[in-house]
Protein backbone atom coordinates (compact mmCIF):
# COMPACT_ATOMS: atom_id res chain seq x y z
CA MET A 1 0.00 0.00 0.00
CA ASP A 2 3.01 2.29 0.04
CA ASP A 3 2.69 2.68 -3.71
CA VAL A 4 -0.02 5.32 -3.69
CA LYS A 5 -0.57 6.70 -7.15
CA LYS A 6 -0.70 10.44 -7.36
CA THR A 7 -3.51 11.64 -9.51
CA ALA A 8 -2.94 14.41 -11.96
CA SER A 9 -4.55 17.54 -10.67
CA SER A 10 -6.43 19.75 -13.03
CA LYS A 11 -7.37 23.34 -12.61
CA LEU A 12 -10.38 25.23 -13.87
CA LYS A 13 -9.97 28.90 -14.62
CA ILE A 14 -12.90 31.20 -15.32
CA SER A 15 -12.13 34.06 -17.68
CA GLU A 16 -12.61 37.60 -16.37
CA ASP A 17 -14.72 38.22 -19.48
CA VAL A 18 -17.19 35.59 -18.27
CA ILE A 19 -17.38 37.20 -14.83
CA ILE A 20 -17.93 40.61 -16.45
CA THR A 21 -20.70 39.26 -18.67
CA VAL A 22 -22.52 37.56 -15.79
CA ALA A 23 -22.17 40.67 -13.61
CA LYS A 24 -23.46 42.91 -16.39
CA LEU A 25 -26.52 40.75 -17.05
CA ALA A 26 -27.29 40.45 -13.33
CA ALA A 27 -27.08 44.22 -12.85
CA LEU A 28 -29.27 44.99 -15.86
CA ASP A 29 -31.90 42.56 -14.54
CA VAL A 30 -32.40 44.60 -11.34
CA LYS A 31 -35.50 46.80 -11.39
CA GLY A 32 -34.49 50.46 -11.44
CA VAL A 33 -31.24 50.01 -13.38
CA ALA A 34 -31.45 51.97 -16.64
CA SER A 35 -28.05 51.01 -18.05
CA LEU A 36 -24.43 50.50 -17.22
CA GLY A 37 -22.60 53.67 -16.31
CA SER A 38 -20.34 54.28 -19.27
CA GLU A 39 -19.95 53.44 -22.90
CA VAL A 40 -18.29 50.15 -23.73
CA ASN A 41 -15.87 49.98 -26.62
CA LYS A 42 -12.74 48.05 -27.47
CA MET A 43 -10.42 50.66 -25.98
CA SER A 44 -12.29 50.80 -22.68
CA LYS A 45 -12.09 47.02 -22.44
CA LEU A 46 -8.38 47.03 -23.23
CA ARG A 47 -7.71 49.76 -20.68
CA GLY A 48 -9.84 48.07 -18.05
CA ASN A 49 -11.97 51.16 -17.53
CA GLY A 50 -15.34 49.95 -18.82
CA PRO A 51 -18.48 49.94 -16.69
CA VAL A 52 -17.59 46.57 -15.11
CA ARG A 53 -14.11 45.83 -13.81
CA VAL A 54 -12.84 42.67 -12.13
CA SER A 55 -9.80 42.35 -9.89
CA MET A 56 -8.66 38.81 -9.13
CA MET A 57 -6.82 38.10 -5.88
CA GLY A 58 -5.94 34.44 -6.18
CA ASP A 59 -9.25 32.58 -6.46
CA VAL A 60 -11.30 35.51 -5.10
CA ALA A 61 -12.68 38.36 -7.20
CA ALA A 62 -13.65 41.94 -6.48
CA ILE A 63 -16.06 43.64 -8.88
CA ASP A 64 -16.40 47.37 -9.47
CA MET A 65 -19.28 48.58 -11.62
CA ASP A 66 -20.89 51.80 -12.74
CA ILE A 67 -24.65 51.99 -13.27
CA LYS A 68 -27.26 54.56 -14.23
CA VAL A 69 -30.60 54.38 -12.45
CA ASN A 70 -34.08 55.30 -13.63
CA GLY A 71 -35.56 58.57 -12.41
CA GLY A 72 -37.88 58.24 -9.44
CA VAL A 73 -36.13 55.29 -7.80
CA ARG A 74 -34.06 55.29 -4.61
CA ALA A 75 -30.49 55.00 -5.88
CA PRO A 76 -29.04 53.50 -2.65
CA SER A 77 -31.67 50.73 -2.65
CA VAL A 78 -31.07 49.93 -6.32
CA ALA A 79 -27.30 49.88 -5.78
CA GLN A 80 -27.69 47.49 -2.84
CA GLU A 81 -29.92 45.18 -4.91
CA VAL A 82 -27.31 45.24 -7.68
CA GLN A 83 -24.58 44.27 -5.19
CA THR A 84 -26.62 41.30 -3.96
CA ALA A 85 -27.72 40.15 -7.42
CA VAL A 86 -24.24 40.39 -8.94
CA LYS A 87 -22.56 38.57 -6.06
CA GLU A 88 -25.13 35.74 -6.00
CA ASN A 89 -25.24 35.28 -9.79
CA VAL A 90 -21.48 35.32 -10.33
CA GLN A 91 -20.82 32.92 -7.44
CA THR A 92 -23.60 30.56 -8.55
CA MET A 93 -22.76 30.54 -12.25
CA THR A 94 -18.97 30.52 -12.08
CA GLY A 95 -18.06 29.15 -8.67
CA VAL A 96 -15.72 32.12 -8.15
CA THR A 97 -15.89 33.60 -4.65
CA ILE A 98 -16.75 37.29 -4.70
CA ALA A 99 -15.15 39.35 -1.93
CA ARG A 100 -17.03 42.53 -2.72
CA VAL A 101 -19.12 44.32 -5.31
CA ASN A 102 -18.60 48.09 -5.42
CA VAL A 103 -21.40 49.92 -7.21
CA THR A 104 -21.11 53.56 -8.30
CA VAL A 105 -24.25 55.33 -9.49
CA THR A 106 -22.97 57.57 -12.29
CA GLY A 107 -26.25 59.02 -13.50
CA VAL A 108 -30.02 59.16 -13.54
CA VAL A 109 -32.00 58.49 -16.70
CA PHE A 110 -35.37 60.17 -17.05
CA ASP A 111 -37.91 58.79 -19.49
CA GLU A 112 -38.16 61.64 -22.02
CA THR A 113 -40.82 59.91 -24.12
CA LYS A 114 -43.21 59.94 -21.16
CA GLU A 115 -42.57 63.64 -20.52
CA SER A 116 -43.10 64.61 -24.16
CA SER A 117 -46.35 62.61 -24.41
CA ASP A 118 -47.64 64.34 -21.25
CA ASP A 119 -46.94 67.74 -22.83
CA GLU A 120 -49.02 66.87 -25.91
CA THR A 121 -52.21 66.15 -23.94
């Protein structure tokens, strides 16, 4: 029994792009979130300054995200719901432990179509 065979260990790595995608979808699914906080383009992704940023510390991730909320909602409540939804969804779907989710509300979006239709009546 001294001849114990060592099994080859394998490692699973989740791409930061996957974490960003899951976080983005979870945030946009929260009632009161109008959009993500800034424009996404190739340069913002390359520079790491898009609306969702992930910092990996070993096997643990920290997520920073910018959102815009709808007018008439309580921004702190929406931000807290986003934190909870993002953390739960990312951990459930990827298995990556999330240390924190920092949410910055960068703007408020008012529904202009509703205002203009009210003016016409």
